[in-house]
Protein backbone atom coordinates (compact mmCIF):
# COMPACT_ATOMS: atom_id res chain seq x y z
CA MET A 1 206.32 -30.95 -35.27
CA LYS A 2 206.02 -34.67 -36.00
CA ARG A 3 207.39 -35.40 -32.55
CA ILE A 4 204.77 -33.22 -30.84
CA PHE A 5 202.03 -34.82 -32.93
CA SER A 6 203.30 -38.31 -32.03
CA ILE A 7 203.35 -37.43 -28.32
CA LEU A 8 199.80 -36.06 -28.50
CA VAL A 9 198.58 -39.19 -30.30
CA LEU A 10 200.30 -41.41 -27.75
CA PHE A 11 198.77 -39.39 -24.90
CA TYR A 12 195.30 -39.67 -26.45
CA ILE A 13 195.61 -43.44 -26.96
CA THR A 14 196.89 -43.95 -23.39
CA ASP A 15 194.12 -41.78 -21.96
CA TYR A 16 191.48 -43.65 -23.98
CA ALA A 17 192.84 -47.06 -22.92
CA TRP A 18 192.89 -46.00 -19.26
CA ALA A 19 189.28 -44.77 -19.47
CA GLN A 20 188.21 -48.10 -21.00
CA ALA A 21 189.99 -50.14 -18.33
CA LYS A 22 188.61 -48.08 -15.44
CA PRO A 23 185.72 -49.99 -13.83
CA GLN A 24 182.32 -48.39 -14.01
CA GLN A 25 181.03 -47.24 -10.63
CA LEU A 26 177.51 -46.69 -9.35
CA ILE A 27 176.48 -44.88 -6.19
CA PHE A 28 173.57 -46.93 -4.81
CA LEU A 29 171.58 -45.31 -1.99
CA VAL A 30 168.71 -46.89 -0.11
CA SER A 31 166.35 -44.59 1.78
CA ILE A 32 163.72 -46.26 3.95
CA ASP A 33 160.88 -44.13 5.31
CA SER A 34 162.78 -40.93 4.38
CA LYS A 35 165.99 -41.99 6.17
CA ILE A 36 169.14 -43.08 4.36
CA SER A 37 170.02 -46.52 5.66
CA GLN A 38 173.24 -46.51 7.71
CA ASP A 39 173.24 -50.31 7.91
CA ILE A 40 175.02 -52.73 5.62
CA ILE A 41 172.40 -54.21 3.32
CA HIS A 42 172.99 -57.63 1.77
CA GLY A 43 170.97 -58.51 -1.28
CA LYS A 44 170.95 -59.71 -4.87
CA PHE A 45 170.47 -58.20 -8.25
CA PHE A 46 168.89 -60.69 -10.61
CA ILE A 47 168.06 -60.74 -14.27
CA ARG A 48 164.84 -62.16 -15.68
CA ASP A 49 164.26 -62.98 -19.32
CA GLN A 50 161.08 -62.11 -21.21
CA GLY A 51 159.37 -65.18 -19.77
CA SER A 52 160.14 -63.99 -16.20
CA LYS A 53 162.65 -66.81 -15.69
CA ARG A 54 165.68 -65.91 -13.54
CA ILE A 55 168.73 -66.22 -15.76
CA ASP A 56 171.43 -64.73 -13.51
CA GLU A 57 171.94 -63.41 -9.98
CA MET A 58 174.60 -61.17 -8.51
CA PRO A 59 174.95 -60.85 -4.71
CA PHE A 60 175.94 -57.47 -3.29
CA GLU A 61 176.52 -55.42 -0.15
CA THR A 62 175.75 -51.72 0.07
CA TRP A 63 176.09 -49.09 2.76
CA VAL A 64 175.65 -45.33 2.47
CA GLY A 65 176.05 -45.30 -1.31
CA ARG A 66 178.87 -47.80 -1.68
CA LEU A 67 178.00 -50.85 -3.78
CA GLU A 68 180.28 -53.89 -3.33
CA MET A 69 180.13 -56.84 -5.72
CA GLU A 70 182.43 -59.32 -7.42
CA PRO A 71 184.08 -57.61 -10.43
CA GLY A 72 182.50 -60.05 -12.89
CA ASP A 73 179.04 -59.45 -11.41
CA TYR A 74 179.57 -55.69 -11.50
CA LYS A 75 180.30 -55.92 -15.24
CA LYS A 76 177.13 -57.99 -15.81
CA LEU A 77 175.11 -55.26 -14.11
CA PHE A 78 176.06 -52.77 -16.82
CA LYS A 79 175.61 -55.11 -19.80
CA ILE A 80 172.02 -56.27 -19.47
CA SER A 81 170.15 -57.02 -22.68
CA PRO A 82 167.28 -54.58 -23.38
CA ARG A 83 165.01 -57.64 -23.68
CA ASP A 84 165.74 -58.71 -20.09
CA SER A 85 164.67 -57.12 -16.81
CA LEU A 86 166.80 -56.25 -13.80
CA TYR A 87 165.53 -56.62 -10.24
CA VAL A 88 167.04 -55.99 -6.83
CA THR A 89 165.93 -57.81 -3.71
CA PHE A 90 167.06 -57.45 -0.10
CA ALA A 91 165.84 -57.87 3.46
CA TYR A 92 165.77 -55.07 6.02
CA ASN A 93 165.02 -55.07 9.74
CA SER A 94 163.19 -51.96 10.93
CA PHE A 95 163.85 -51.39 14.62
CA GLU A 96 161.44 -48.43 14.68
CA LEU A 97 158.55 -50.40 13.17
CA HIS A 98 159.59 -53.68 14.86
CA ASP A 99 159.32 -55.60 11.64
CA ASP A 100 161.39 -57.39 9.00
CA TYR A 101 160.84 -56.47 5.38
CA VAL A 102 161.82 -58.13 2.13
CA TYR A 103 161.84 -55.75 -0.82
CA GLU A 104 161.88 -56.59 -4.51
CA VAL A 105 162.22 -53.78 -7.02
CA LYS A 106 162.28 -53.77 -10.81
CA ILE A 107 164.95 -51.38 -12.04
CA PRO A 108 163.99 -49.69 -15.34
CA ASN A 109 166.32 -50.51 -18.25
CA GLY A 110 169.29 -48.22 -18.64
CA MET A 111 169.29 -46.83 -15.10
CA MET A 112 172.33 -48.83 -14.05
CA ASN A 113 174.44 -46.83 -16.48
CA ASP A 114 173.81 -43.60 -14.57
CA LYS A 115 176.17 -42.19 -11.93
CA TYR A 116 173.80 -42.88 -9.04
CA LEU A 117 170.61 -44.74 -8.21
CA ILE A 118 168.43 -43.94 -5.21
CA LEU A 119 165.71 -46.29 -3.97
CA ASN A 120 163.22 -44.44 -1.78
CA ILE A 121 161.10 -47.01 0.04
CA TYR A 122 158.01 -46.05 2.02
CA ASN A 123 156.46 -48.67 4.31
CA GLN A 124 152.73 -48.70 4.86
CA LYS A 125 153.18 -49.48 8.58
CA ASP A 126 154.85 -46.09 9.08
CA GLU A 127 152.02 -43.86 10.25
CA GLU A 128 152.91 -40.85 8.09
CA ASN A 129 153.40 -42.96 4.97
CA GLY A 130 150.13 -44.83 5.51
CA LYS A 131 148.24 -41.53 5.40
CA LYS A 132 150.17 -40.07 2.49
CA TYR A 133 150.71 -42.74 -0.23
CA VAL A 134 148.58 -45.18 -2.19
CA PHE A 135 149.92 -48.72 -1.62
CA PRO A 136 149.46 -51.69 -3.96
CA SER A 137 147.18 -54.26 -2.37
CA ASN A 138 149.76 -57.07 -2.61
CA GLN A 139 152.64 -55.32 -0.80
CA GLY A 140 153.10 -53.11 2.22
CA TYR A 141 155.46 -50.61 0.60
CA VAL A 142 155.87 -48.28 -2.36
CA ILE A 143 159.10 -47.49 -4.16
CA GLN A 144 160.33 -44.33 -5.79
CA ILE A 145 163.44 -44.59 -7.97
CA GLU A 146 165.70 -41.65 -8.76
CA SER A 147 168.72 -41.26 -11.01
CA PRO A 148 170.13 -38.31 -12.98
CA GLY A 149 167.72 -38.78 -15.87
CA PHE A 150 164.83 -40.65 -14.26
CA TYR A 151 162.27 -40.25 -11.51
CA THR A 152 159.24 -42.42 -10.71
CA PRO A 153 156.34 -40.43 -9.29
CA LEU A 154 154.33 -41.80 -6.36
CA LYS A 155 150.57 -41.79 -6.08
CA ILE A 156 149.71 -39.46 -3.23
CA ILE A 157 146.36 -39.55 -1.44
CA ASN A 158 144.43 -36.33 -2.13
CA LYS A 159 143.35 -34.67 1.10
CA LYS A 160 139.99 -32.91 0.93
C-alpha cells in the first residue's frame, strides 16, 4: 500500500513539475476587414507604465494564429503588472485598399492569459466598414478584441 501511495505521489509531483515547465501558449489571430490575415505580420508588444512611458518592448511574428517570440519576451507577456498597460503595434499593407496601415492597440489587462486573442480590425477606407461603424476622429480604423472571457463591442451606425 505504501508503495502504491509513493508511486502516486511521485506521479503527481512529476506531472505538476512538467505542467509548470511547459511554456504558456497563446493563439493570436489578426482579422483585417473580416478576413484572417494569411501574411506574416511583424510587430511589437510594448508595456507602458502609469505615466505612459514605454518600459519594455517585445518583437514578434505572427501568422494564422501562431505567435513567435523570444522565450524571455514570451514570459514577460504573461507577467505584466496590473498597474502597467500592454499594447501591440504592427504595420500591414492592404493590397485591396492600396494602402499601408500602422495599427496600435491597447490590450486589456489579463487577456494575455487566455488561450486565444483575436484582433478584428475594420478600416474606414473599406466601403462596407465606412458605412457600418463609427470611427474615432484621430484614426482610420476600429478594433474589436475577442478572447474566451472578453469581447469589446463596436459602435454601429444606426440605419433609419
